[in-house]
Amino acid sequence: QVQLAESGGGWVQAGGSLRLSCAASGDNFKMYNMAWIRQTPGKEREFVSRISWSGGTAYYSDSVKGRFTISRDDSKNTVYLQMNSLKPEDTAVYYCAANWIHTVVAPNSTRYDYWGQGTQVTVSE
């Protein structure tokens, strides 16, 4: 199993940047596919980005493509989400999520087995 803890959320004006971090504890972090998923009150969870266990493949939702970048540092058991050119519609709670390497889901799925507690991102006009 893996335990996840997000940090780096906060308030920013539109056009600004934030970098979210997700620290993982437990064994074999490098064997997990990692994702960022966000949710706003009253709405379903929304896929944001995913990075493969090897770090070789990354996926993004159309709404963040070109603005957000996902990365991972296996030496630190950490996955990052660099968010640039933020928009008010990016306001949400951002969750880090993980699936074991052999758990097959669609690239833009929100079906993950392990979740962090979430970090709030607020983007003002």
C-alpha atoms as a PDB file:
ATOM      1  CA  GLN A   1       0.000   0.000   0.000  1.00  0.00           C
ATOM      2  CA  VAL A   2       0.924   3.636  -0.362  1.00  0.00           C
ATOM      3  CA  GLN A   3      -0.084   6.676   1.652  1.00  0.00           C
ATOM      4  CA  LEU A   4      -0.325  10.026  -0.091  1.00  0.00           C
ATOM      5  CA  ALA A   5      -0.102  13.579   1.243  1.00  0.00           C
ATOM      6  CA  GLU A   6      -0.595  16.659  -0.928  1.00  0.00           C
ATOM      7  CA  SER A   7       0.801  20.123  -0.311  1.00  0.00           C
ATOM      8  CA  GLY A   8       1.294  23.370  -2.160  1.00  0.00           C
ATOM      9  CA  GLY A   9      -2.263  24.513  -2.616  1.00  0.00           C
ATOM     10  CA  GLY A  10      -3.348  28.060  -1.893  1.00  0.00           C
ATOM     11  CA  TRP A  11      -4.738  31.243  -3.331  1.00  0.00           C
ATOM     12  CA  VAL A  12      -3.454  32.846  -6.509  1.00  0.00           C
ATOM     13  CA  GLN A  13      -4.644  35.443  -8.963  1.00  0.00           C
ATOM     14  CA  ALA A  14      -5.588  34.453 -12.483  1.00  0.00           C
ATOM     15  CA  GLY A  15      -2.508  34.058 -14.638  1.00  0.00           C
ATOM     16  CA  GLY A  16      -0.387  32.985 -11.704  1.00  0.00           C
ATOM     17  CA  SER A  17       1.316  29.693 -10.914  1.00  0.00           C
ATOM     18  CA  LEU A  18       1.346  27.071  -8.199  1.00  0.00           C
ATOM     19  CA  ARG A  19       3.206  23.811  -7.776  1.00  0.00           C
ATOM     20  CA  LEU A  20       1.496  20.971  -5.995  1.00  0.00           C
ATOM     21  CA  SER A  21       3.468  18.179  -4.392  1.00  0.00           C
ATOM     22  CA  CYS A  22       2.361  14.705  -3.387  1.00  0.00           C
ATOM     23  CA  ALA A  23       4.596  12.829  -0.997  1.00  0.00           C
ATOM     24  CA  ALA A  24       4.146   9.074  -0.883  1.00  0.00           C
ATOM     25  CA  SER A  25       5.069   6.760   1.930  1.00  0.00           C
ATOM     26  CA  GLY A  26       5.235   3.000   1.733  1.00  0.00           C
ATOM     27  CA  ASP A  27       7.118   0.626  -0.440  1.00  0.00           C
ATOM     28  CA  ASN A  28       7.682   0.541  -4.158  1.00  0.00           C
ATOM     29  CA  PHE A  29       6.558   4.048  -5.082  1.00  0.00           C
ATOM     30  CA  LYS A  30       8.106   3.565  -8.517  1.00  0.00           C
ATOM     31  CA  MET A  31       5.639   0.756  -9.179  1.00  0.00           C
ATOM     32  CA  TYR A  32       2.621   3.094  -9.064  1.00  0.00           C
ATOM     33  CA  ASN A  33       0.946   5.073 -11.788  1.00  0.00           C
ATOM     34  CA  MET A  34       0.166   8.485 -10.325  1.00  0.00           C
ATOM     35  CA  ALA A  35      -2.531  11.018 -11.093  1.00  0.00           C
ATOM     36  CA  TRP A  36      -3.948  14.366 -10.123  1.00  0.00           C
ATOM     37  CA  ILE A  37      -7.717  14.650  -9.942  1.00  0.00           C
ATOM     38  CA  ARG A  38      -9.760  17.649  -8.870  1.00  0.00           C
ATOM     39  CA  GLN A  39     -13.231  18.240  -7.540  1.00  0.00           C
ATOM     40  CA  THR A  40     -15.451  21.230  -6.906  1.00  0.00           C
ATOM     41  CA  PRO A  41     -18.512  21.161  -4.620  1.00  0.00           C
ATOM     42  CA  GLY A  42     -21.516  19.546  -6.220  1.00  0.00           C
ATOM     43  CA  LYS A  43     -19.568  18.204  -9.174  1.00  0.00           C
ATOM     44  CA  GLU A  44     -18.015  14.873 -10.001  1.00  0.00           C
ATOM     45  CA  ARG A  45     -14.312  14.295  -9.788  1.00  0.00           C
ATOM     46  CA  GLU A  46     -12.445  15.499 -12.850  1.00  0.00           C
ATOM     47  CA  PHE A  47      -9.292  13.937 -14.271  1.00  0.00           C
ATOM     48  CA  VAL A  48      -6.441  16.431 -14.555  1.00  0.00           C
ATOM     49  CA  SER A  49      -3.242  14.532 -15.320  1.00  0.00           C
ATOM     50  CA  ARG A  50      -1.581  11.154 -15.052  1.00  0.00           C
ATOM     51  CA  ILE A  51       2.011   9.945 -15.187  1.00  0.00           C
ATOM     52  CA  SER A  52       3.048   6.367 -15.724  1.00  0.00           C
ATOM     53  CA  TRP A  53       5.083   4.351 -13.253  1.00  0.00           C
ATOM     54  CA  SER A  54       8.177   4.836 -15.417  1.00  0.00           C
ATOM     55  CA  GLY A  55       7.605   8.543 -15.883  1.00  0.00           C
ATOM     56  CA  GLY A  56       7.731   7.968 -19.603  1.00  0.00           C
ATOM     57  CA  THR A  57       4.113   8.757 -20.392  1.00  0.00           C
ATOM     58  CA  ALA A  58       1.939  11.629 -19.255  1.00  0.00           C
ATOM     59  CA  TYR A  59      -1.680  12.448 -20.001  1.00  0.00           C
ATOM     60  CA  TYR A  60      -3.570  15.688 -19.542  1.00  0.00           C
ATOM     61  CA  SER A  61      -7.168  16.752 -19.759  1.00  0.00           C
ATOM     62  CA  ASP A  62      -7.914  19.130 -22.590  1.00  0.00           C
ATOM     63  CA  SER A  63      -8.723  21.853 -20.079  1.00  0.00           C
ATOM     64  CA  VAL A  64      -5.180  21.907 -18.649  1.00  0.00           C
ATOM     65  CA  LYS A  65      -3.073  20.759 -21.576  1.00  0.00           C
ATOM     66  CA  GLY A  66      -0.320  23.242 -22.297  1.00  0.00           C
ATOM     67  CA  ARG A  67      -0.648  24.892 -18.881  1.00  0.00           C
ATOM     68  CA  PHE A  68      -0.004  22.081 -16.385  1.00  0.00           C
ATOM     69  CA  THR A  69       2.956  19.711 -16.194  1.00  0.00           C
ATOM     70  CA  ILE A  70       3.099  16.504 -14.188  1.00  0.00           C
ATOM     71  CA  SER A  71       6.390  14.993 -13.093  1.00  0.00           C
ATOM     72  CA  ARG A  72       7.741  12.535 -10.560  1.00  0.00           C
ATOM     73  CA  ASP A  73      10.937  12.134  -8.567  1.00  0.00           C
ATOM     74  CA  ASP A  74      11.203   8.527  -7.457  1.00  0.00           C
ATOM     75  CA  SER A  75      14.251   9.320  -5.309  1.00  0.00           C
ATOM     76  CA  LYS A  76      11.962  11.520  -3.203  1.00  0.00           C
ATOM     77  CA  ASN A  77       8.793   9.436  -3.551  1.00  0.00           C
ATOM     78  CA  THR A  78       7.073  12.563  -4.815  1.00  0.00           C
ATOM     79  CA  VAL A  79       4.897  13.543  -7.745  1.00  0.00           C
ATOM     80  CA  TYR A  80       4.414  17.167  -8.754  1.00  0.00           C
ATOM     81  CA  LEU A  81       1.893  19.221 -10.672  1.00  0.00           C
ATOM     82  CA  GLN A  82       3.223  22.517 -11.997  1.00  0.00           C
ATOM     83  CA  MET A  83       0.263  24.743 -12.775  1.00  0.00           C
ATOM     84  CA  ASN A  84       0.819  27.845 -14.892  1.00  0.00           C
ATOM     85  CA  SER A  85      -1.542  30.402 -16.395  1.00  0.00           C
ATOM     86  CA  LEU A  86      -4.137  29.518 -13.811  1.00  0.00           C
ATOM     87  CA  LYS A  87      -7.764  30.375 -14.455  1.00  0.00           C
ATOM     88  CA  PRO A  88     -10.675  30.823 -12.040  1.00  0.00           C
ATOM     89  CA  GLU A  89     -12.185  27.607 -13.410  1.00  0.00           C
ATOM     90  CA  ASP A  90      -9.133  25.734 -12.065  1.00  0.00           C
ATOM     91  CA  THR A  91     -10.415  26.407  -8.549  1.00  0.00           C
ATOM     92  CA  ALA A  92     -10.960  23.035  -6.859  1.00  0.00           C
ATOM     93  CA  VAL A  93      -9.661  20.599  -4.319  1.00  0.00           C
ATOM     94  CA  TYR A  94      -6.807  18.737  -5.962  1.00  0.00           C
ATOM     95  CA  TYR A  95      -6.235  15.121  -5.030  1.00  0.00           C
ATOM     96  CA  CYS A  96      -3.216  12.953  -5.636  1.00  0.00           C
ATOM     97  CA  ALA A  97      -4.087   9.359  -6.493  1.00  0.00           C
ATOM     98  CA  ALA A  98      -2.240   6.134  -7.210  1.00  0.00           C
ATOM     99  CA  ASN A  99      -2.765   2.763  -8.813  1.00  0.00           C
ATOM    100  CA  TRP A 100      -0.489  -0.229  -8.705  1.00  0.00           C
ATOM    101  CA  ILE A 101       1.292  -0.808 -11.997  1.00  0.00           C
ATOM    102  CA  HIS A 102      -0.891  -3.794 -12.940  1.00  0.00           C
ATOM    103  CA  THR A 103      -4.188  -1.980 -12.344  1.00  0.00           C
ATOM    104  CA  VAL A 104      -5.374  -1.058 -15.811  1.00  0.00           C
ATOM    105  CA  VAL A 105      -7.606   1.974 -16.216  1.00  0.00           C
ATOM    106  CA  ALA A 106      -8.246   4.385 -19.060  1.00  0.00           C
ATOM    107  CA  PRO A 107      -5.700   7.216 -19.236  1.00  0.00           C
ATOM    108  CA  ASN A 108      -8.293   9.790 -18.181  1.00  0.00           C
ATOM    109  CA  SER A 109      -9.920   7.638 -15.532  1.00  0.00           C
ATOM    110  CA  THR A 110     -10.669   8.831 -12.015  1.00  0.00           C
ATOM    111  CA  ARG A 111     -10.737   5.275 -10.695  1.00  0.00           C
ATOM    112  CA  TYR A 112      -7.794   5.005  -8.368  1.00  0.00           C
ATOM    113  CA  ASP A 113      -7.237   2.838  -5.327  1.00  0.00           C
ATOM    114  CA  TYR A 114      -5.219   5.236  -3.175  1.00  0.00           C
ATOM    115  CA  TRP A 115      -5.975   8.872  -2.460  1.00  0.00           C
ATOM    116  CA  GLY A 116      -4.521  11.759  -0.535  1.00  0.00           C
ATOM    117  CA  GLN A 117      -6.564  14.126   1.610  1.00  0.00           C
ATOM    118  CA  GLY A 118      -6.594  16.864  -1.020  1.00  0.00           C
ATOM    119  CA  THR A 119      -5.309  20.425  -1.178  1.00  0.00           C
ATOM    120  CA  GLN A 120      -7.403  23.474  -2.007  1.00  0.00           C
ATOM    121  CA  VAL A 121      -6.480  25.651  -4.979  1.00  0.00           C
ATOM    122  CA  THR A 122      -8.322  28.946  -5.347  1.00  0.00           C
ATOM    123  CA  VAL A 123      -7.818  31.182  -8.379  1.00  0.00           C
ATOM    124  CA  SER A 124      -9.354  34.646  -8.249  1.00  0.00           C
ATOM    125  CA  GLU A 125     -10.202  36.948 -11.134  1.00  0.00           C
END
